[in-house]
Amino acid sequence: MTRSITFKKIALSATLATAAAFSLAVPAFAEYPERPITLIVPWGAGGGTDATGRMIAGLLQEELGQPVNVVNRDGGSGVVGHSAIATAEPDGYTIGVVTVEIGMMHWAGLTELTYEDYTPIALYNYDAAGIQVRADSEWNTVGELLDAIKADPGKHKGSGTGQGGIWHLALAGMLNDAGAAADAAPWVPSKGAAPGLQELVAGGVDVVTCSVVEAAALIEAGKVKSLAVMGEERLGAFPDVPTLKEATGSDWKMAAWRGVAGPKGMPDEATAKLTAALETVWKSAEFQEFMNGRGFGLVWKPGDEFTTWMKDSDAALGTVMTAVGLAK
C-alpha cells in the first residue's frame, strides 16, 4: 500500500515537472503593443502634417503605454513616405499619417500606390486650400492676382508642394476655372508648405497655395497675407479671409485631408487597439484645443468609413487632374 502511494506521488511529481517545463518553453502571449511604435510623416518638419502627426504621437503614446516615435520621410512629392508606410512590416509597429496625395500620386504617374495598399485606422483632419501672397504684395484680392496672371502668363510663379501635389492642383484648378491656362503661373516644386512659404517670403515665388493654418505663423509675423480660402465657408480661426466664392464667384474648391493608416494586412487586434486609442486622442480636450487654436479642420471617420472617404477622394481627384491636364 505504501509502495503504491509512493509510486503515485512520483508519477504526479513527474507530470507536474513536465507541465512546468512545457509552460516555460512556450512564451506567454503579449498584448499589443509590447514595444515602441514608429509613426511615419511623409512630409518635412514644420508643415501641417508634421505638426498634427507629432501631436497625435505624443497623445497616442500616453494611451498605448509605449513610445510613439515620429520619423519624417519626405521626398518624391509624398511618394517616399507613403511607400515607407505601405511597405512596412504589417505588424502594427509601423504606421503613418497618410494624406490626400495618396489619391493623386498614381494619377500623376509617380507611383502605383493607392488607398487599397493600406490598413485604414482613422481620418482626423480636413483643410481647405488658402491663397497666400507676400504681405507687401500689390495684390489685395484674388481677383487682382488672377488679372495679373492672365495679363502676363508665365511671369508669376506658384509653390506649396511637389509637382502634381494637392496644393499644385488647387492653383491649377483655380486658374482653369477662371478661364486661364492651368500652367499660367508656373509651379516651383517644394517639399511641403513650409519651404514653399519661405520661398514666397524670399521673393522666389509670387503665390503659395496651402492651408491657411500652415501660413499662420508668417501671417501673424506680418510677412504673408491670405487672400481667400477654397472651402465652403470661412475658417473660424481666420474670419477675415473670404471664401473663393465670396471673392470671385467661383465654385472651385480644393482641400487636403490627413488620416492615420498602416500597411495592408495588419492584425485586427492591433488595428482595433489603434483606432480606439486614436479616437480617445481625437476627442481629448488637448487635441481639440490644439487643432481649433491653429485653424485645422476636424473630422472623424474610422475604419471602413475612412476607406470609403479615400475611395471617393481618389475618384474625384482623378477627374479634376484629368480636366486640368495633370493626369498621366
Protein backbone atom coordinates (compact mmCIF):
# COMPACT_ATOMS: atom_id res chain seq x y z
CA MET A 1 0.00 0.00 0.00
CA THR A 2 2.75 2.36 0.96
CA ARG A 3 4.70 1.41 -2.14
CA SER A 4 1.63 2.14 -4.33
CA ILE A 5 1.16 5.57 -2.80
CA THR A 6 4.84 6.34 -3.29
CA PHE A 7 4.69 5.40 -6.97
CA LYS A 8 1.62 7.63 -7.43
CA LYS A 9 3.43 10.55 -5.81
CA ILE A 10 6.43 10.03 -8.06
CA ALA A 11 4.21 9.86 -11.15
CA LEU A 12 2.34 13.02 -10.13
CA SER A 13 5.58 14.88 -9.46
CA ALA A 14 6.90 13.86 -12.89
CA THR A 15 3.70 15.07 -14.56
CA LEU A 16 3.84 18.42 -12.80
CA ALA A 17 7.50 18.82 -13.66
CA THR A 18 6.79 18.11 -17.33
CA ALA A 19 3.92 20.61 -17.39
CA ALA A 20 6.09 23.25 -15.73
CA ALA A 21 8.87 22.69 -18.23
CA PHE A 22 6.43 22.94 -21.13
CA SER A 23 4.95 26.19 -19.82
CA LEU A 24 8.42 27.68 -19.56
CA ALA A 25 9.24 26.62 -23.10
CA VAL A 26 6.17 28.38 -24.56
CA PRO A 27 6.26 32.16 -24.05
CA ALA A 28 3.14 33.89 -22.76
CA PHE A 29 1.14 35.89 -25.35
CA ALA A 30 1.92 39.60 -25.01
CA GLU A 31 -0.85 42.10 -25.52
CA TYR A 32 -0.28 44.67 -28.30
CA PRO A 33 1.69 46.90 -28.16
CA GLU A 34 4.67 45.44 -26.34
CA ARG A 35 7.33 47.72 -27.85
CA PRO A 36 7.70 51.23 -29.38
CA ILE A 37 5.70 52.24 -32.45
CA THR A 38 7.01 54.27 -35.39
CA LEU A 39 4.75 56.94 -36.90
CA ILE A 40 5.95 57.96 -40.38
CA VAL A 41 5.17 61.50 -41.55
CA PRO A 42 5.51 61.64 -45.36
CA TRP A 43 6.35 65.36 -45.41
CA GLY A 44 9.09 67.57 -43.96
CA ALA A 45 9.24 69.12 -40.50
CA GLY A 46 7.37 72.36 -39.93
CA GLY A 47 4.29 71.76 -42.08
CA GLY A 48 0.75 70.96 -41.01
CA THR A 49 1.11 67.21 -41.45
CA ASP A 50 4.21 67.20 -39.27
CA ALA A 51 2.56 69.34 -36.59
CA THR A 52 -0.58 67.23 -36.33
CA GLY A 53 1.40 63.99 -36.57
CA ARG A 54 3.64 64.94 -33.67
CA MET A 55 0.66 65.99 -31.56
CA ILE A 56 -1.04 62.66 -32.24
CA ALA A 57 2.15 60.72 -31.46
CA GLY A 58 2.57 62.43 -28.10
CA LEU A 59 -1.01 61.75 -27.02
CA LEU A 60 -1.15 58.28 -28.55
CA GLN A 61 1.81 57.04 -26.54
CA GLU A 62 0.01 58.06 -23.36
CA GLU A 63 -2.95 55.92 -24.40
CA LEU A 64 -0.91 52.91 -25.54
CA GLY A 65 1.75 52.96 -22.85
CA GLN A 66 4.57 52.70 -25.40
CA PRO A 67 6.71 55.36 -27.11
CA VAL A 68 5.41 56.54 -30.50
CA ASN A 69 8.38 57.86 -32.45
CA VAL A 70 7.85 60.28 -35.35
CA VAL A 71 10.03 59.80 -38.43
CA ASN A 72 9.86 62.30 -41.31
CA ARG A 73 10.26 60.61 -44.70
CA ASP A 74 9.71 63.34 -47.26
CA GLY A 75 10.60 63.38 -50.94
CA GLY A 76 9.14 62.39 -54.28
CA SER A 77 6.01 64.54 -53.84
CA GLY A 78 4.95 62.30 -50.97
CA VAL A 79 5.89 59.01 -52.63
CA VAL A 80 8.85 58.25 -50.34
CA GLY A 81 6.93 58.46 -47.07
CA HIS A 82 3.74 56.86 -48.31
CA SER A 83 5.76 53.99 -49.77
CA ALA A 84 7.55 53.53 -46.46
CA ILE A 85 4.20 53.12 -44.71
CA ALA A 86 2.75 50.76 -47.31
CA THR A 87 5.82 48.50 -47.47
CA ALA A 88 6.47 48.27 -43.72
CA GLU A 89 6.02 45.01 -41.83
CA PRO A 90 2.25 44.78 -41.22
CA ASP A 91 2.60 44.02 -37.51
CA GLY A 92 1.17 47.26 -36.13
CA TYR A 93 4.52 48.71 -35.12
CA THR A 94 4.92 50.97 -38.15
CA ILE A 95 2.02 53.24 -39.04
CA GLY A 96 1.89 56.69 -40.56
CA VAL A 97 -0.01 59.80 -41.49
CA VAL A 98 -1.48 59.35 -44.96
CA THR A 99 -2.56 62.46 -46.83
CA VAL A 100 -4.76 63.44 -49.75
CA GLU A 101 -1.79 62.93 -52.08
CA ILE A 102 -2.32 59.15 -51.90
CA GLY A 103 -5.32 59.79 -54.18
CA MET A 104 -3.22 61.88 -56.58
CA MET A 105 0.25 60.37 -56.94
CA HIS A 106 -0.82 57.41 -59.05
CA TRP A 107 -2.89 59.64 -61.34
CA ALA A 108 0.24 61.73 -61.89
CA GLY A 109 2.23 58.61 -62.78
CA LEU A 110 4.52 58.92 -59.74
CA THR A 111 3.66 55.57 -58.16
CA GLU A 112 1.28 52.63 -58.38
CA LEU A 113 0.27 53.01 -54.74
CA THR A 114 -3.41 53.64 -53.98
CA TYR A 115 -5.59 53.69 -50.88
CA GLU A 116 -6.03 49.92 -51.29
CA ASP A 117 -2.42 49.38 -50.16
CA TYR A 118 -3.17 50.46 -46.59
CA THR A 119 -4.99 49.39 -43.45
CA PRO A 120 -7.17 52.42 -42.59
CA ILE A 121 -7.21 53.45 -38.94
CA ALA A 122 -8.99 56.83 -38.99
CA LEU A 123 -9.36 60.16 -40.79
CA TYR A 124 -8.84 63.10 -38.41
CA ASN A 125 -8.43 66.32 -40.41
CA TYR A 126 -9.74 68.22 -43.45
CA ASP A 127 -8.32 71.61 -44.55
CA ALA A 128 -9.32 73.82 -47.48
CA ALA A 129 -6.58 75.42 -49.59
CA GLY A 130 -5.74 79.07 -49.00
CA ILE A 131 -4.17 81.55 -51.42
CA GLN A 132 -1.15 83.28 -49.87
CA VAL A 133 0.99 86.14 -51.16
CA ARG A 134 3.68 88.32 -49.54
CA ALA A 135 2.41 90.92 -47.12
CA ASP A 136 3.88 93.71 -49.29
CA SER A 137 2.36 92.30 -52.48
CA GLU A 138 0.47 94.69 -54.74
CA TRP A 139 -2.44 92.24 -54.76
CA ASN A 140 -5.04 92.56 -52.03
CA THR A 141 -7.71 90.35 -53.60
CA VAL A 142 -7.75 87.09 -55.56
CA GLY A 143 -9.31 88.95 -58.46
CA GLU A 144 -6.26 91.20 -58.70
CA LEU A 145 -3.95 88.19 -58.57
CA LEU A 146 -5.86 86.39 -61.32
CA ASP A 147 -5.89 89.50 -63.51
CA ALA A 148 -2.10 89.79 -63.20
CA ILE A 149 -1.55 86.12 -64.06
CA LYS A 150 -3.86 86.33 -67.08
CA ALA A 151 -2.23 89.53 -68.29
CA ASP A 152 1.27 88.04 -68.28
CA PRO A 153 1.17 84.18 -68.38
CA GLY A 154 4.37 82.58 -67.15
CA LYS A 155 5.63 85.58 -65.18
CA HIS A 156 4.17 84.86 -61.75
CA LYS A 157 5.24 81.61 -60.08
CA GLY A 158 3.46 79.43 -57.55
CA SER A 159 4.59 76.85 -54.96
CA GLY A 160 3.49 74.97 -51.85
CA THR A 161 4.17 71.29 -52.51
CA GLY A 162 5.68 68.92 -55.07
CA GLN A 163 4.76 68.82 -58.76
CA GLY A 164 1.25 67.43 -59.09
CA GLY A 165 0.59 67.69 -55.33
CA ILE A 166 -2.65 68.83 -53.75
CA TRP A 167 -1.69 72.50 -53.47
CA HIS A 168 -0.43 72.47 -57.07
CA LEU A 169 -3.79 71.10 -58.13
CA ALA A 170 -5.51 73.81 -56.07
CA LEU A 171 -3.79 76.58 -58.03
CA ALA A 172 -4.07 74.85 -61.43
CA GLY A 173 -7.76 74.17 -60.88
CA MET A 174 -8.45 77.75 -59.80
CA LEU A 175 -6.71 79.10 -62.90
CA ASN A 176 -8.60 76.66 -65.13
CA ASP A 177 -11.89 77.65 -63.52
CA ALA A 178 -11.06 81.33 -64.07
CA GLY A 179 -10.52 80.79 -67.77
CA ALA A 180 -6.72 80.84 -67.69
CA ALA A 181 -4.31 78.07 -68.66
CA ALA A 182 -3.66 75.70 -65.78
CA ASP A 183 0.06 76.44 -66.10
CA ALA A 184 -0.28 80.21 -66.50
CA ALA A 185 1.51 80.52 -63.15
CA PRO A 186 4.45 78.05 -63.44
CA TRP A 187 4.80 75.71 -60.48
CA VAL A 188 8.03 75.58 -58.45
CA PRO A 189 8.06 72.23 -56.58
CA SER A 190 8.83 72.25 -52.84
CA LYS A 191 8.96 69.64 -50.09
CA GLY A 192 5.78 70.88 -48.48
CA ALA A 193 4.15 74.15 -47.49
CA ALA A 194 6.84 75.35 -45.07
CA PRO A 195 9.69 75.60 -47.61
CA GLY A 196 7.26 76.94 -50.22
CA LEU A 197 6.26 79.75 -47.87
CA GLN A 198 9.89 80.54 -47.11
CA GLU A 199 10.49 80.82 -50.86
CA LEU A 200 7.50 83.17 -51.04
CA VAL A 201 8.91 85.42 -48.33
CA ALA A 202 12.32 85.39 -50.03
CA GLY A 203 10.78 86.52 -53.31
CA GLY A 204 11.44 83.33 -55.27
CA VAL A 205 7.74 82.75 -55.97
CA ASP A 206 4.69 85.02 -56.03
CA VAL A 207 1.86 82.88 -54.63
CA VAL A 208 1.61 79.83 -52.40
CA THR A 209 -1.49 77.67 -52.23
CA CYS A 210 -1.63 75.73 -48.96
CA SER A 211 -3.87 75.60 -45.93
CA VAL A 212 -4.12 78.94 -44.14
CA VAL A 213 -3.07 77.28 -40.90
CA GLU A 214 0.28 76.33 -42.44
CA ALA A 215 0.85 80.02 -43.17
CA ALA A 216 -0.47 81.23 -39.82
CA ALA A 217 2.92 81.95 -38.22
CA LEU A 218 4.06 84.05 -41.17
CA ILE A 219 0.69 85.79 -41.34
CA GLU A 220 0.96 86.70 -37.65
CA ALA A 221 4.54 87.86 -38.24
CA GLY A 222 3.32 90.26 -40.91
CA LYS A 223 5.25 88.59 -43.73
CA VAL A 224 2.38 86.88 -45.57
CA LYS A 225 -1.28 87.62 -46.22
CA SER A 226 -4.04 85.23 -47.23
CA LEU A 227 -6.40 86.38 -49.96
CA ALA A 228 -9.03 83.61 -49.88
CA VAL A 229 -9.81 80.03 -48.89
CA MET A 230 -11.08 77.37 -51.31
CA GLY A 231 -13.73 75.95 -48.99
CA GLU A 232 -17.45 76.01 -48.28
CA GLU A 233 -17.13 78.64 -45.56
CA ARG A 234 -14.68 80.94 -43.82
CA LEU A 235 -12.36 79.48 -41.24
CA GLY A 236 -13.19 80.10 -37.60
CA ALA A 237 -9.58 80.96 -36.79
CA PHE A 238 -9.32 83.34 -39.79
CA PRO A 239 -12.72 85.03 -40.07
CA ASP A 240 -11.42 87.90 -42.19
CA VAL A 241 -10.27 85.63 -45.02
CA PRO A 242 -13.12 85.28 -47.56
CA THR A 243 -14.00 82.13 -49.44
CA LEU A 244 -13.07 81.98 -53.13
CA LYS A 245 -16.79 82.02 -53.87
CA GLU A 246 -17.21 85.27 -51.95
CA ALA A 247 -14.12 86.82 -53.53
CA THR A 248 -14.65 85.87 -57.18
CA GLY A 249 -17.92 84.00 -57.53
CA SER A 250 -16.00 80.80 -58.38
CA ASP A 251 -17.31 77.46 -57.16
CA TRP A 252 -13.83 75.89 -57.29
CA LYS A 253 -12.92 74.10 -54.05
CA MET A 254 -9.92 72.07 -53.00
CA ALA A 255 -8.82 70.70 -49.65
CA ALA A 256 -6.23 68.48 -48.03
CA TRP A 257 -7.02 65.72 -45.59
CA ARG A 258 -4.97 63.67 -43.16
CA GLY A 259 -5.52 60.31 -41.54
CA VAL A 260 -3.62 57.51 -39.85
CA ALA A 261 -3.08 54.15 -41.56
CA GLY A 262 -0.74 51.19 -41.60
CA PRO A 263 0.41 48.75 -44.26
CA LYS A 264 -2.19 46.40 -45.73
CA GLY A 265 -2.72 43.21 -43.73
CA MET A 266 -2.29 44.49 -40.18
CA PRO A 267 -3.63 42.24 -37.38
CA ASP A 268 -7.22 43.02 -36.40
CA GLU A 269 -6.19 43.29 -32.74
CA ALA A 270 -3.60 45.99 -33.48
CA THR A 271 -5.93 47.89 -35.80
CA ALA A 272 -8.78 47.88 -33.28
CA LYS A 273 -6.47 48.95 -30.45
CA LEU A 274 -5.03 51.81 -32.52
CA THR A 275 -8.44 53.00 -33.70
CA ALA A 276 -9.82 53.07 -30.15
CA ALA A 277 -6.74 54.87 -28.83
CA LEU A 278 -6.79 57.39 -31.68
CA GLU A 279 -10.46 58.13 -31.08
CA THR A 280 -9.69 58.89 -27.43
CA VAL A 281 -6.87 61.18 -28.59
CA TRP A 282 -9.10 62.91 -31.17
CA LYS A 283 -11.83 63.57 -28.60
CA SER A 284 -9.42 64.81 -25.93
CA ALA A 285 -9.60 68.46 -24.88
CA GLU A 286 -5.87 68.83 -25.58
CA PHE A 287 -6.15 67.68 -29.20
CA GLN A 288 -9.33 69.64 -29.87
CA GLU A 289 -7.78 72.82 -28.48
CA PHE A 290 -4.59 72.25 -30.49
CA MET A 291 -6.50 71.78 -33.76
CA ASN A 292 -9.04 74.57 -33.22
CA GLY A 293 -6.44 77.02 -31.97
CA ARG A 294 -4.42 76.63 -35.15
CA GLY A 295 -7.32 76.52 -37.57
CA PHE A 296 -7.08 72.83 -38.50
CA GLY A 297 -10.40 71.34 -39.61
CA LEU A 298 -11.64 68.41 -37.53
CA VAL A 299 -13.35 65.31 -38.91
CA TRP A 300 -13.58 61.75 -37.58
CA LYS A 301 -14.05 58.71 -39.82
CA PRO A 302 -12.72 55.37 -38.55
CA GLY A 303 -12.02 52.13 -40.41
CA ASP A 304 -14.39 51.41 -43.28
CA GLU A 305 -15.67 55.00 -43.28
CA PHE A 306 -12.12 56.18 -43.91
CA THR A 307 -11.77 53.63 -46.72
CA THR A 308 -14.91 54.99 -48.39
CA TRP A 309 -13.60 58.55 -47.96
CA MET A 310 -10.29 57.64 -49.64
CA LYS A 311 -12.06 55.83 -52.47
CA ASP A 312 -14.33 58.80 -53.19
CA SER A 313 -11.43 61.25 -52.93
CA ASP A 314 -9.37 59.16 -55.35
CA ALA A 315 -12.11 59.19 -57.98
CA ALA A 316 -12.81 62.92 -57.62
CA LEU A 317 -9.14 63.87 -57.82
CA GLY A 318 -8.66 61.72 -60.90
CA THR A 319 -11.49 63.58 -62.63
CA VAL A 320 -10.06 67.00 -61.74
CA MET A 321 -6.46 66.09 -62.63
CA THR A 322 -7.60 64.83 -66.00
CA ALA A 323 -9.52 68.05 -66.61
CA VAL A 324 -6.51 70.28 -65.91
CA GLY A 325 -4.02 68.06 -67.72
CA LEU A 326 -2.12 66.69 -64.70
CA ALA A 327 -3.15 63.05 -65.08
CA LYS A 328 -0.78 60.72 -66.94
